[in-house]
N, C-alpha and C. Protein backbone atom coordinates (compact mmCIF):
# COMPACT_ATOMS: atom_id res chain seq x y z
N UNK A 1 6.28 3.98 7.16
CA UNK A 1 5.00 4.14 6.51
C UNK A 1 5.03 5.43 5.72
N UNK A 2 4.49 5.37 4.52
CA UNK A 2 4.46 6.53 3.66
C UNK A 2 3.04 6.66 3.11
N UNK A 3 2.53 7.87 3.10
CA UNK A 3 1.19 8.12 2.56
C UNK A 3 1.31 9.09 1.40
N UNK A 4 0.82 8.69 0.24
CA UNK A 4 0.80 9.53 -0.95
C UNK A 4 -0.64 9.75 -1.37
N UNK A 5 -0.91 10.92 -1.91
CA UNK A 5 -2.26 11.26 -2.35
C UNK A 5 -2.32 11.26 -3.87
N UNK A 6 -3.30 10.58 -4.41
CA UNK A 6 -3.58 10.60 -5.85
C UNK A 6 -5.03 11.01 -5.98
N UNK A 7 -5.21 12.32 -6.14
CA UNK A 7 -6.52 12.95 -6.12
C UNK A 7 -7.22 12.64 -4.80
N UNK A 8 -8.35 11.98 -4.81
CA UNK A 8 -9.07 11.71 -3.56
C UNK A 8 -8.79 10.30 -3.04
N UNK A 9 -7.65 9.73 -3.47
CA UNK A 9 -7.30 8.38 -3.07
C UNK A 9 -5.99 8.42 -2.29
N UNK A 10 -5.97 7.83 -1.10
CA UNK A 10 -4.78 7.78 -0.27
C UNK A 10 -4.10 6.42 -0.45
N UNK A 11 -2.81 6.44 -0.76
CA UNK A 11 -2.02 5.22 -0.91
C UNK A 11 -1.04 5.16 0.26
N UNK A 12 -1.25 4.19 1.15
CA UNK A 12 -0.39 4.02 2.32
C UNK A 12 0.52 2.82 2.05
N UNK A 13 1.84 3.06 2.09
CA UNK A 13 2.81 2.01 1.82
C UNK A 13 3.56 1.64 3.09
N UNK A 14 3.60 0.35 3.37
CA UNK A 14 4.35 -0.18 4.51
C UNK A 14 5.47 -1.04 3.95
N UNK A 15 6.71 -0.73 4.30
CA UNK A 15 7.86 -1.49 3.84
C UNK A 15 8.27 -2.44 4.97
N UNK A 16 8.11 -3.73 4.74
CA UNK A 16 8.31 -4.71 5.80
C UNK A 16 9.71 -4.65 6.38
N UNK A 17 10.74 -4.56 5.55
CA UNK A 17 12.11 -4.57 6.08
C UNK A 17 12.42 -3.33 6.91
N UNK A 18 11.68 -2.23 6.72
CA UNK A 18 11.90 -1.00 7.48
C UNK A 18 10.93 -0.82 8.63
N UNK A 19 10.02 -1.76 8.80
CA UNK A 19 9.01 -1.65 9.85
C UNK A 19 9.69 -1.74 11.22
N UNK A 20 9.34 -0.87 12.16
CA UNK A 20 10.01 -0.90 13.47
C UNK A 20 9.79 -2.21 14.21
N UNK A 21 10.82 -2.68 14.89
CA UNK A 21 10.74 -3.95 15.61
C UNK A 21 9.67 -3.93 16.70
N UNK A 22 9.44 -2.76 17.28
CA UNK A 22 8.43 -2.66 18.34
C UNK A 22 7.02 -2.55 17.78
N UNK A 23 6.90 -2.40 16.48
CA UNK A 23 5.59 -2.32 15.85
C UNK A 23 4.97 -0.94 15.95
N UNK A 24 3.76 -0.83 15.49
CA UNK A 24 3.00 0.42 15.49
C UNK A 24 1.63 0.11 16.05
N UNK A 25 1.11 1.01 16.87
CA UNK A 25 -0.21 0.79 17.45
C UNK A 25 -1.28 1.52 16.63
N UNK A 26 -2.49 1.05 16.75
CA UNK A 26 -3.61 1.70 16.08
C UNK A 26 -3.77 3.12 16.60
N UNK A 27 -3.54 3.33 17.88
CA UNK A 27 -3.65 4.68 18.47
C UNK A 27 -2.71 5.65 17.77
N UNK A 28 -1.51 5.21 17.42
CA UNK A 28 -0.54 6.07 16.74
C UNK A 28 -1.01 6.40 15.32
N UNK A 29 -1.78 5.50 14.72
CA UNK A 29 -2.24 5.70 13.34
C UNK A 29 -3.55 6.47 13.23
N UNK A 30 -4.29 6.58 14.32
CA UNK A 30 -5.60 7.23 14.27
C UNK A 30 -5.56 8.66 13.71
N UNK A 31 -4.59 9.51 14.06
CA UNK A 31 -4.56 10.84 13.45
C UNK A 31 -4.35 10.80 11.94
N UNK A 32 -3.52 9.86 11.47
CA UNK A 32 -3.30 9.72 10.03
C UNK A 32 -4.58 9.23 9.35
N UNK A 33 -5.24 8.26 9.97
CA UNK A 33 -6.49 7.74 9.41
C UNK A 33 -7.55 8.84 9.38
N UNK A 34 -7.61 9.66 10.41
CA UNK A 34 -8.57 10.75 10.44
C UNK A 34 -8.30 11.74 9.32
N UNK A 35 -7.03 12.05 9.07
CA UNK A 35 -6.66 12.93 7.96
C UNK A 35 -7.09 12.33 6.63
N UNK A 36 -6.88 11.02 6.49
CA UNK A 36 -7.30 10.34 5.27
C UNK A 36 -8.83 10.38 5.14
N UNK A 37 -9.54 10.16 6.24
CA UNK A 37 -11.01 10.23 6.20
C UNK A 37 -11.51 11.58 5.73
N UNK A 38 -10.83 12.64 6.17
CA UNK A 38 -11.27 13.99 5.84
C UNK A 38 -10.92 14.39 4.42
N UNK A 39 -9.87 13.77 3.84
CA UNK A 39 -9.38 14.23 2.54
C UNK A 39 -9.45 13.20 1.42
N UNK A 40 -9.94 12.01 1.70
CA UNK A 40 -9.96 10.97 0.67
C UNK A 40 -11.29 10.24 0.67
N UNK A 41 -11.61 9.68 -0.47
CA UNK A 41 -12.79 8.83 -0.57
C UNK A 41 -12.40 7.36 -0.54
N UNK A 42 -11.14 7.08 -0.88
CA UNK A 42 -10.64 5.71 -0.93
C UNK A 42 -9.25 5.64 -0.29
N UNK A 43 -8.93 4.47 0.26
CA UNK A 43 -7.60 4.24 0.80
C UNK A 43 -7.12 2.86 0.34
N UNK A 44 -5.86 2.81 -0.06
CA UNK A 44 -5.23 1.56 -0.47
C UNK A 44 -4.01 1.38 0.42
N UNK A 45 -3.89 0.21 1.04
CA UNK A 45 -2.71 -0.12 1.83
C UNK A 45 -1.86 -1.08 1.01
N UNK A 46 -0.58 -0.77 0.90
CA UNK A 46 0.34 -1.59 0.14
C UNK A 46 1.48 -2.03 1.06
N UNK A 47 1.67 -3.33 1.21
CA UNK A 47 2.78 -3.87 1.99
C UNK A 47 3.84 -4.38 1.03
N UNK A 48 5.02 -3.75 1.08
CA UNK A 48 6.12 -4.11 0.19
C UNK A 48 7.05 -5.08 0.92
N UNK A 49 7.15 -6.30 0.41
CA UNK A 49 7.96 -7.33 1.06
C UNK A 49 9.36 -7.44 0.47
N UNK A 50 9.78 -6.50 -0.38
CA UNK A 50 11.10 -6.54 -1.01
C UNK A 50 12.19 -6.57 0.05
N UNK A 51 13.08 -7.53 -0.05
CA UNK A 51 14.22 -7.63 0.84
C UNK A 51 13.90 -8.03 2.25
N UNK A 52 12.66 -8.37 2.53
CA UNK A 52 12.28 -8.72 3.90
C UNK A 52 12.81 -10.09 4.30
N UNK A 53 12.70 -11.06 3.43
CA UNK A 53 13.20 -12.40 3.74
C UNK A 53 12.44 -13.05 4.88
N UNK A 54 12.76 -14.27 5.14
CA UNK A 54 12.08 -15.05 6.17
C UNK A 54 12.42 -14.56 7.58
N UNK A 55 13.57 -13.88 7.74
CA UNK A 55 13.97 -13.40 9.07
C UNK A 55 13.05 -12.30 9.57
N UNK A 56 12.33 -11.65 8.68
CA UNK A 56 11.42 -10.58 9.07
C UNK A 56 9.98 -11.05 9.20
N UNK A 57 9.78 -12.33 9.40
CA UNK A 57 8.42 -12.88 9.49
C UNK A 57 7.65 -12.26 10.66
N UNK A 58 8.34 -11.94 11.75
CA UNK A 58 7.65 -11.29 12.89
C UNK A 58 7.15 -9.91 12.50
N UNK A 59 7.95 -9.17 11.76
CA UNK A 59 7.50 -7.84 11.30
C UNK A 59 6.32 -7.97 10.38
N UNK A 60 6.35 -8.96 9.50
CA UNK A 60 5.23 -9.17 8.60
C UNK A 60 3.97 -9.51 9.39
N UNK A 61 4.11 -10.34 10.41
CA UNK A 61 2.96 -10.70 11.25
C UNK A 61 2.39 -9.45 11.93
N UNK A 62 3.28 -8.55 12.40
CA UNK A 62 2.82 -7.31 13.02
C UNK A 62 2.09 -6.43 12.02
N UNK A 63 2.61 -6.38 10.78
CA UNK A 63 1.96 -5.58 9.74
C UNK A 63 0.57 -6.13 9.45
N UNK A 64 0.46 -7.44 9.33
CA UNK A 64 -0.86 -8.04 9.08
C UNK A 64 -1.80 -7.69 10.23
N UNK A 65 -1.29 -7.73 11.45
CA UNK A 65 -2.12 -7.39 12.61
C UNK A 65 -2.61 -5.95 12.58
N UNK A 66 -1.71 -5.02 12.27
CA UNK A 66 -2.11 -3.61 12.25
C UNK A 66 -3.03 -3.33 11.06
N UNK A 67 -2.81 -4.00 9.94
CA UNK A 67 -3.71 -3.83 8.79
C UNK A 67 -5.10 -4.33 9.15
N UNK A 68 -5.19 -5.45 9.85
CA UNK A 68 -6.50 -5.96 10.28
C UNK A 68 -7.18 -4.98 11.22
N UNK A 69 -6.41 -4.37 12.14
CA UNK A 69 -6.98 -3.38 13.04
C UNK A 69 -7.49 -2.16 12.26
N UNK A 70 -6.74 -1.73 11.25
CA UNK A 70 -7.17 -0.59 10.43
C UNK A 70 -8.42 -0.96 9.65
N UNK A 71 -8.47 -2.17 9.12
CA UNK A 71 -9.67 -2.63 8.39
C UNK A 71 -10.88 -2.59 9.30
N UNK A 72 -10.74 -3.11 10.52
CA UNK A 72 -11.86 -3.10 11.47
C UNK A 72 -12.24 -1.67 11.86
N UNK A 73 -11.24 -0.81 12.05
CA UNK A 73 -11.48 0.57 12.47
C UNK A 73 -12.17 1.40 11.38
N UNK A 74 -11.88 1.11 10.12
CA UNK A 74 -12.44 1.89 9.00
C UNK A 74 -13.59 1.16 8.31
N UNK A 75 -14.00 0.04 8.84
CA UNK A 75 -15.01 -0.79 8.17
C UNK A 75 -16.34 -0.05 8.00
N UNK A 76 -16.77 0.70 8.99
CA UNK A 76 -18.06 1.39 8.92
C UNK A 76 -18.09 2.49 7.86
N UNK A 77 -16.97 3.17 7.65
CA UNK A 77 -16.97 4.25 6.67
C UNK A 77 -16.55 3.79 5.28
N UNK A 78 -16.26 2.48 5.14
CA UNK A 78 -15.97 1.90 3.83
C UNK A 78 -14.84 2.64 3.11
N UNK A 79 -13.82 3.04 3.85
CA UNK A 79 -12.71 3.82 3.30
C UNK A 79 -11.67 2.92 2.60
N UNK A 80 -11.33 1.82 3.22
CA UNK A 80 -10.29 0.94 2.67
C UNK A 80 -10.85 0.13 1.51
N UNK A 81 -10.21 0.27 0.37
CA UNK A 81 -10.68 -0.41 -0.84
C UNK A 81 -9.88 -1.65 -1.19
N UNK A 82 -8.55 -1.59 -0.92
CA UNK A 82 -7.70 -2.69 -1.37
C UNK A 82 -6.47 -2.80 -0.47
N UNK A 83 -5.98 -4.03 -0.31
CA UNK A 83 -4.74 -4.30 0.41
C UNK A 83 -3.83 -5.01 -0.59
N UNK A 84 -2.76 -4.35 -0.95
CA UNK A 84 -1.85 -4.88 -1.96
C UNK A 84 -0.58 -5.42 -1.31
N UNK A 85 -0.10 -6.54 -1.81
CA UNK A 85 1.18 -7.09 -1.38
C UNK A 85 2.11 -7.07 -2.59
N UNK A 86 3.22 -6.37 -2.45
CA UNK A 86 4.22 -6.27 -3.52
C UNK A 86 5.42 -7.16 -3.19
N UNK A 87 6.06 -7.61 -4.24
CA UNK A 87 7.32 -8.35 -4.11
C UNK A 87 7.20 -9.59 -3.22
N UNK A 88 6.10 -10.31 -3.37
CA UNK A 88 5.94 -11.56 -2.63
C UNK A 88 6.52 -12.69 -3.47
N UNK A 89 7.13 -13.61 -2.82
CA UNK A 89 7.69 -14.76 -3.52
C UNK A 89 6.69 -15.90 -3.62
N UNK A 90 7.09 -16.91 -4.31
CA UNK A 90 6.25 -18.09 -4.49
C UNK A 90 5.91 -18.74 -3.15
N UNK A 91 6.91 -18.83 -2.26
CA UNK A 91 6.70 -19.47 -0.96
C UNK A 91 5.64 -18.71 -0.16
N UNK A 92 5.71 -17.40 -0.16
CA UNK A 92 4.74 -16.60 0.57
C UNK A 92 3.33 -16.85 0.04
N UNK A 93 3.19 -16.86 -1.26
CA UNK A 93 1.86 -17.08 -1.85
C UNK A 93 1.34 -18.47 -1.54
N UNK A 94 2.23 -19.45 -1.52
CA UNK A 94 1.82 -20.82 -1.17
C UNK A 94 1.38 -20.89 0.30
N UNK A 95 2.07 -20.17 1.17
CA UNK A 95 1.69 -20.15 2.59
C UNK A 95 0.38 -19.39 2.80
N UNK A 96 0.15 -18.39 1.98
CA UNK A 96 -1.06 -17.57 2.13
C UNK A 96 -2.33 -18.36 1.80
N UNK A 97 -2.27 -19.24 0.83
CA UNK A 97 -3.46 -19.96 0.39
C UNK A 97 -4.20 -20.66 1.53
N UNK A 98 -3.56 -21.52 2.32
CA UNK A 98 -4.31 -22.18 3.40
C UNK A 98 -4.67 -21.21 4.53
N UNK A 99 -3.82 -20.23 4.78
CA UNK A 99 -4.09 -19.26 5.84
C UNK A 99 -5.28 -18.39 5.48
N UNK A 100 -5.46 -18.11 4.21
CA UNK A 100 -6.53 -17.22 3.77
C UNK A 100 -7.92 -17.75 4.14
N UNK A 101 -8.03 -19.05 4.32
CA UNK A 101 -9.33 -19.62 4.70
C UNK A 101 -9.76 -19.19 6.09
N UNK A 102 -8.79 -18.82 6.94
CA UNK A 102 -9.10 -18.38 8.30
C UNK A 102 -9.35 -16.88 8.38
N UNK A 103 -9.10 -16.17 7.29
CA UNK A 103 -9.27 -14.72 7.26
C UNK A 103 -10.72 -14.41 6.88
N UNK A 104 -11.34 -13.43 7.55
CA UNK A 104 -12.72 -13.07 7.19
C UNK A 104 -12.84 -12.71 5.71
N UNK A 105 -13.97 -13.06 5.11
CA UNK A 105 -14.17 -12.85 3.67
C UNK A 105 -14.01 -11.40 3.24
N UNK A 106 -14.56 -10.45 4.01
CA UNK A 106 -14.45 -9.04 3.62
C UNK A 106 -12.99 -8.61 3.56
N UNK A 107 -12.14 -9.16 4.42
CA UNK A 107 -10.71 -8.86 4.43
C UNK A 107 -10.04 -9.56 3.26
N UNK A 108 -10.33 -10.83 3.07
CA UNK A 108 -9.74 -11.64 2.01
C UNK A 108 -10.05 -11.06 0.63
N UNK A 109 -11.25 -10.53 0.46
CA UNK A 109 -11.66 -9.97 -0.84
C UNK A 109 -10.88 -8.72 -1.21
N UNK A 110 -10.29 -8.05 -0.25
CA UNK A 110 -9.52 -6.83 -0.53
C UNK A 110 -8.07 -7.12 -0.89
N UNK A 111 -7.58 -8.32 -0.60
CA UNK A 111 -6.17 -8.66 -0.79
C UNK A 111 -5.87 -8.92 -2.27
N UNK A 112 -4.79 -8.25 -2.74
CA UNK A 112 -4.35 -8.39 -4.12
C UNK A 112 -2.83 -8.55 -4.10
N UNK A 113 -2.30 -9.48 -4.88
CA UNK A 113 -0.86 -9.66 -5.02
C UNK A 113 -0.42 -9.03 -6.32
N UNK A 114 0.55 -8.13 -6.24
CA UNK A 114 1.07 -7.46 -7.44
C UNK A 114 2.49 -7.86 -7.71
């Protein structure tokens, strides 16, 4: 995970192929989120799927889970503005369409494919 600052906007990048197999807990991210709350007005989470392939589907599932936890944790302060997915293939986008119907609207509205 990498966090870059662009003025008062925090850009958090998650690289799927480098994501730890054991995952990351919300508790481990709370200090980073608190720092972002204190120093930013907006936060953008970007999940980069470059080189991840289908073998890393479990890591991707863990990333989606932790992003959902972060969305729920920051929902009251309206910090998270957008969730970007980079380097997604056609198959991923086709799989996302039916799955997106089960995702809450506030979460779905933040998702952008770049």
